Protein backbone atom coordinates (compact mmCIF):
# COMPACT_ATOMS: atom_id res chain seq x y z
CA MET A 1 120.12 107.43 128.61
CA LYS A 2 116.79 107.09 126.81
CA LEU A 3 115.81 106.94 123.18
CA GLY A 4 114.67 110.35 123.10
CA ALA A 5 117.70 111.64 124.62
CA TYR A 6 120.26 109.85 121.92
CA ALA A 7 117.78 111.84 119.39
CA VAL A 8 118.29 115.41 120.79
CA ILE A 9 121.93 114.97 121.13
CA VAL A 10 121.90 113.64 117.19
CA LEU A 11 119.88 116.43 116.44
CA LEU A 12 122.07 118.56 118.13
CA LEU A 13 125.16 117.26 116.40
CA LEU A 14 123.41 117.34 112.84
CA SER A 15 122.34 120.94 113.28
CA SER A 16 125.97 122.01 114.53
CA GLY A 17 127.07 120.06 111.57
CA VAL A 18 124.82 122.08 109.08
CA ALA A 19 125.81 125.33 110.61
CA LEU A 20 129.38 124.55 110.25
CA TYR A 21 129.12 123.68 106.57
CA THR A 22 127.34 127.15 106.15
CA VAL A 23 129.95 129.20 107.52
CA GLN A 24 132.52 127.41 105.70
CA LEU A 25 130.67 128.49 102.91
CA ARG A 26 130.53 131.87 103.45
CA LEU A 27 134.27 131.90 104.45
CA ASP A 28 134.94 130.54 100.95
CA ALA A 29 132.59 132.50 99.30
CA GLY A 30 134.81 135.89 100.43
CA ARG A 31 137.75 134.07 98.62
CA GLY A 32 136.14 133.43 95.71
CA GLU A 33 132.96 132.51 93.51
CA LYS A 34 132.46 128.74 94.83
CA LYS A 35 129.14 126.90 94.63
CA ALA A 36 126.91 126.38 97.17
CA ALA A 37 127.16 122.42 96.59
CA GLU A 38 130.74 122.64 97.39
CA GLU A 39 129.71 122.22 101.35
CA PHE A 40 129.51 118.36 100.23
CA MET A 41 133.76 118.31 100.10
CA TYR A 42 134.04 118.36 103.75
CA LEU A 43 131.43 115.28 104.35
CA PRO A 44 133.38 112.62 106.23
CA SER A 45 132.92 109.22 105.06
CA ALA A 46 129.92 107.19 105.31
CA GLN A 47 131.39 104.72 107.25
CA TYR A 48 132.46 107.52 110.01
CA LEU A 49 128.88 108.96 109.68
CA LYS A 50 127.62 105.95 110.94
CA VAL A 51 129.69 105.79 114.01
CA ALA A 52 128.85 109.16 114.63
CA SER A 53 124.78 108.83 114.22
CA LEU A 54 124.75 106.87 116.99
CA GLY A 55 122.38 104.44 115.39
CA TYR A 56 120.42 106.92 113.52
CA GLU A 57 121.66 106.45 110.19
CA GLN A 58 118.32 106.79 108.82
CA LEU A 59 117.82 110.25 110.38
CA LEU A 60 120.97 111.55 109.21
CA ALA A 61 120.48 109.92 105.52
CA ASP A 62 117.37 112.00 105.50
CA LEU A 63 118.64 115.64 106.74
CA LEU A 64 121.83 115.08 103.74
CA TRP A 65 119.15 114.09 101.31
CA LEU A 66 116.94 117.18 101.98
CA LYS A 67 120.16 119.45 101.85
CA ALA A 68 121.34 117.49 98.64
CA ILE A 69 117.61 118.11 96.82
CA GLN A 70 117.79 121.78 97.71
CA HIS A 71 121.00 121.97 95.41
CA ILE A 72 119.68 119.69 92.72
CA GLY A 73 116.72 122.27 92.32
CA GLU A 74 119.07 125.20 91.63
CA LYS A 75 119.20 126.36 88.03
CA LYS A 76 122.94 126.31 87.60
CA ILE A 77 125.35 124.09 89.30
CA SER A 78 129.02 123.63 87.77
CA GLY A 79 130.21 120.19 86.51
CA ALA A 80 132.30 120.12 90.00
CA GLY A 81 129.13 121.07 91.76
CA TYR A 82 127.50 117.76 90.31
CA ASP A 83 130.68 115.68 91.48
CA TRP A 84 130.11 116.84 94.95
CA ILE A 85 126.11 116.13 94.75
CA TYR A 86 126.80 112.70 93.84
CA LYS A 87 129.53 112.30 96.95
CA ALA A 88 126.49 113.55 98.80
CA LEU A 89 124.15 110.82 97.45
CA ASP A 90 126.46 108.15 97.76
CA THR A 91 127.07 108.73 101.39
CA VAL A 92 123.30 109.32 101.76
CA THR A 93 122.72 105.58 100.10
CA SER A 94 125.43 104.08 102.39
CA LEU A 95 123.79 105.55 105.21
CA ASP A 96 120.44 104.15 104.03
CA PRO A 97 120.91 101.63 101.13
CA LYS A 98 117.00 100.93 100.94
CA PHE A 99 116.20 104.68 100.41
CA ILE A 100 115.47 104.64 96.65
CA MET A 101 114.71 108.46 95.91
CA PRO A 102 118.55 109.72 96.12
CA TYR A 103 119.03 106.64 93.67
CA VAL A 104 115.98 107.92 91.30
CA ALA A 105 116.16 111.68 91.42
CA GLY A 106 120.27 111.74 91.52
CA GLY A 107 120.72 109.37 88.73
CA LEU A 108 118.24 111.20 86.44
CA ALA A 109 119.70 114.89 87.37
CA LEU A 110 123.13 113.60 86.85
CA THR A 111 122.56 112.33 83.13
CA ILE A 112 119.30 115.02 82.15
CA ASP A 113 121.01 118.07 83.81
CA ALA A 114 124.41 117.56 83.67
CA GLU A 115 125.69 114.60 81.47
CA LYS A 116 127.61 112.98 84.28
CA VAL A 117 126.62 109.52 82.52
CA ASP A 118 129.17 107.33 84.60
CA LEU A 119 128.37 108.95 87.89
CA SER A 120 124.68 108.43 87.35
CA ASN A 121 125.70 104.93 86.14
CA ARG A 122 127.13 104.21 89.46
CA LEU A 123 124.83 105.45 91.59
CA LEU A 124 121.87 103.26 89.71
CA ILE A 125 123.78 100.17 89.86
CA LYS A 126 124.36 100.53 93.44
CA GLY A 127 120.79 100.99 93.65
CA VAL A 128 119.77 98.05 91.76
CA GLU A 129 122.55 96.01 93.92
CA ASN A 130 120.45 97.57 97.14
CA ILE A 131 116.98 97.28 95.89
CA PRO A 132 116.99 94.69 93.27
CA GLU A 133 113.18 94.38 93.65
CA ASN A 134 112.72 97.79 91.89
CA TRP A 135 111.78 98.22 87.95
CA GLN A 136 112.82 101.86 87.86
CA LEU A 137 116.36 101.75 88.82
CA PRO A 138 117.36 99.36 85.84
CA PHE A 139 115.24 100.88 83.51
CA TYR A 140 116.84 104.44 83.97
CA LEU A 141 120.42 102.42 83.41
CA GLY A 142 119.00 100.97 80.31
CA PHE A 143 118.23 104.31 79.22
CA ASN A 144 121.57 105.67 79.76
CA TYR A 145 123.41 103.13 78.34
CA PHE A 146 120.95 103.54 74.83
CA PHE A 147 120.87 107.38 75.14
CA PHE A 148 124.03 108.30 75.93
CA LYS A 149 126.60 105.67 75.78
CA LYS A 150 125.10 103.73 72.60
CA ASP A 151 126.10 100.59 74.09
CA TYR A 152 122.52 98.51 73.22
CA LYS A 153 123.82 95.10 74.40
CA LEU A 154 124.05 96.97 77.93
CA ALA A 155 120.74 98.77 77.26
CA ALA A 156 118.93 95.41 76.17
CA ARG A 157 120.19 93.83 79.23
CA TYR A 158 119.08 96.07 81.88
CA MET A 159 115.75 96.42 79.94
CA GLU A 160 115.09 93.16 80.45
CA ILE A 161 116.08 93.17 84.23
CA ALA A 162 113.50 95.95 84.76
CA ALA A 163 110.95 94.10 82.48
CA SER A 164 111.17 90.76 84.89
CA LYS A 165 110.60 93.11 88.20
CA PRO A 166 106.97 93.09 89.78
CA GLY A 167 105.30 95.59 88.81
CA SER A 168 107.09 96.75 85.77
CA PRO A 169 105.14 98.26 83.05
CA ALA A 170 103.98 95.82 80.02
CA TYR A 171 105.83 98.20 77.30
CA LEU A 172 109.39 97.00 79.08
CA THR A 173 109.62 93.62 77.18
CA SER A 174 108.93 95.02 73.96
CA LEU A 175 111.74 97.82 74.52
CA ALA A 176 114.10 94.77 75.29
CA SER A 177 113.02 92.82 72.38
CA ARG A 178 113.14 95.58 69.96
CA LEU A 179 116.29 97.76 71.12
CA TYR A 180 119.01 96.08 69.06
CA VAL A 181 116.84 95.93 65.48
CA GLN A 182 115.55 99.55 65.88
CA ALA A 183 118.72 101.40 67.88
CA GLU A 184 119.32 103.45 65.05
CA ASP A 185 115.94 104.89 64.14
CA PRO A 186 115.18 108.06 65.67
CA SER A 187 111.52 107.02 66.22
CA TYR A 188 112.83 104.46 68.48
CA ALA A 189 114.78 107.05 70.68
CA LEU A 190 111.84 109.12 70.48
CA GLN A 191 109.88 105.98 72.52
CA PHE A 192 112.37 105.99 75.01
CA LEU A 193 112.31 109.79 75.77
CA MET A 194 108.52 109.74 76.10
CA ARG A 195 108.51 106.69 78.30
CA MET A 196 111.59 108.95 80.20
CA TYR A 197 108.84 111.62 80.42
CA GLU A 198 105.74 110.07 81.48
CA ASN A 199 107.83 108.38 84.62
CA THR A 200 109.49 111.56 85.38
CA THR A 201 107.65 114.10 87.78
CA ASP A 202 110.60 116.59 88.54
CA GLU A 203 108.94 119.70 86.53
CA LYS A 204 112.73 120.77 85.44
CA MET A 205 113.87 117.37 84.26
CA ARG A 206 110.20 117.16 82.41
CA ALA A 207 111.21 120.42 80.76
CA THR A 208 114.68 119.61 79.49
CA LEU A 209 113.29 116.11 78.32
CA LEU A 210 110.15 117.82 76.46
CA THR A 211 113.08 119.90 74.74
CA ARG A 212 114.89 116.94 73.15
CA ILE A 213 111.56 115.25 72.57
CA ASN A 214 110.45 118.02 70.36
CA LEU A 215 114.05 117.86 68.88
CA LEU A 216 113.85 114.30 68.16
CA LYS A 217 110.66 114.86 66.75
CA ALA A 218 112.07 116.70 63.86
CA ALA A 219 114.73 114.24 64.04
CA VAL A 220 111.93 111.43 62.58
CA VAL A 221 110.38 114.03 60.40
CA VAL A 222 113.62 114.47 58.47
CA LYS A 223 114.36 110.76 58.45
CA GLY A 224 110.92 110.80 56.58
CA LEU A 225 111.65 113.67 54.15
CA GLN A 226 115.34 112.13 53.44
CA ASP A 227 113.54 108.74 52.63
CA SER A 228 110.93 110.85 50.35
CA LEU A 229 113.92 112.76 48.93
CA ASP A 230 115.71 109.62 47.80
CA LEU A 231 112.62 108.09 46.23
CA TYR A 232 111.98 111.21 44.18
CA VAL A 233 115.52 111.22 42.89
CA LYS A 234 115.26 107.31 42.14
CA GLU A 235 111.60 108.25 40.23
CA THR A 236 112.54 111.32 38.57
CA GLY A 237 116.45 110.87 38.13
CA ARG A 238 117.26 114.45 39.07
CA LYS A 239 117.85 116.10 42.25
CA PRO A 240 115.13 118.70 43.78
CA SER A 241 115.95 122.45 44.08
CA GLY A 242 114.04 122.24 47.63
CA LEU A 243 111.38 120.50 49.59
CA SER A 244 109.01 122.00 47.30
CA ASP A 245 109.47 119.91 44.32
CA LEU A 246 108.63 116.72 46.29
CA VAL A 247 105.33 118.17 46.88
CA ALA A 248 104.89 119.50 43.28
CA ALA A 249 105.82 115.84 42.39
CA GLY A 250 103.13 114.20 44.71
CA VAL A 251 105.83 112.58 46.76
CA ILE A 252 104.89 114.34 49.84
CA LYS A 253 101.47 115.93 50.82
CA GLY A 254 103.25 119.26 51.84
CA ILE A 255 106.16 120.56 54.09
CA PRO A 256 105.82 119.67 57.61
CA LYS A 257 105.82 122.15 60.32
CA GLU A 258 109.48 122.11 62.52
CA PRO A 259 108.04 121.62 66.20
CA ASN A 260 111.22 123.96 67.61
CA GLY A 261 110.22 126.83 65.56
CA GLY A 262 113.00 126.18 62.47
CA TYR A 263 112.05 124.63 58.95
CA TYR A 264 113.45 121.78 57.07
CA TYR A 265 115.53 122.28 53.95
CA ILE A 266 117.92 120.50 51.60
CA GLY A 267 121.51 121.59 52.29
CA ASP A 268 124.53 121.62 50.09
CA ASP A 269 124.90 118.12 50.58
CA GLY A 270 121.78 117.16 48.99
CA LYS A 271 120.44 116.02 52.36
CA VAL A 272 117.20 117.04 54.30
CA HIS A 273 118.21 119.01 57.65
CA SER A 274 116.09 121.03 60.33
CA SER A 275 117.49 124.40 60.94
CA LYS A 276 117.18 123.52 64.61
CA ILE A 277 118.81 120.71 65.17
CA ASN A 278 122.75 119.41 64.30
CA VAL A 279 122.93 116.73 61.89
CA ASN A 280 126.29 115.51 63.52
CA LEU A 281 124.18 114.44 66.83
CA GLY A 282 121.94 112.04 64.72
CA ILE A 283 119.65 111.01 67.23
CA TYR A 284 121.38 111.64 70.23
CA ILE A 285 120.06 115.20 70.88
CA ARG A 286 122.46 116.55 73.64
CA GLY A 287 120.79 119.16 75.93
CA GLY A 288 118.60 120.88 73.27
CA ARG A 289 122.01 121.89 71.46
């Protein structure tokens, strides 16, 4: 049988499989509300698909990737939906280990959109092992460990790995070297988010990142205002009734504008707050909440 004939057979098999998924999904929808991503429950193992693809693993990986990326782009996906998307991306990268986009897009979506950090890390580590020359994958791992896990040691290690790769940005060396010293500083977390924003092209993810960037900008201002309040108390020996007292005393030039449409104030605990961020979250602003 000629190569072209094999390709036709594979395409027919794949088309039939997609149709089967669609029919199954519609039957499930009749029984209750289920997300579209649930069709990935029915994916056979990657080992089985390699055999069934008749040597066209990359073609099958491409088709599964296109189907997965459609679900990633949906506005609302359940937590379980992201679990199934991970299964699809894990299958795709087992069929085609050098296919970088599932690692990058999946790694970002699983954290930025879903905060499935462990699944994201698992996928990214797989990418680092299969595409060791790429700098983005260890960079995203470093970000996950810094921003979500607060594991600065692992974050620095992955930043160092990323910085050692050909074509990596010059700023990675600085990020790695300063990580431990400034890990608790919200301005440093803001630098991380800005770098993530610069290296992300998906508009949905960029919008989420921008929300977090603005919240962290407010956190940076809160820290600066708190330092000014502490200075005011030290110099005057009394607590201010409001931020306007700091302006009147010349400690600050004016009350800054809150970038999220809120305002800064001194709470009952004597600390500076933003009306738009939860003080308990510190520098780790989750999902704009």
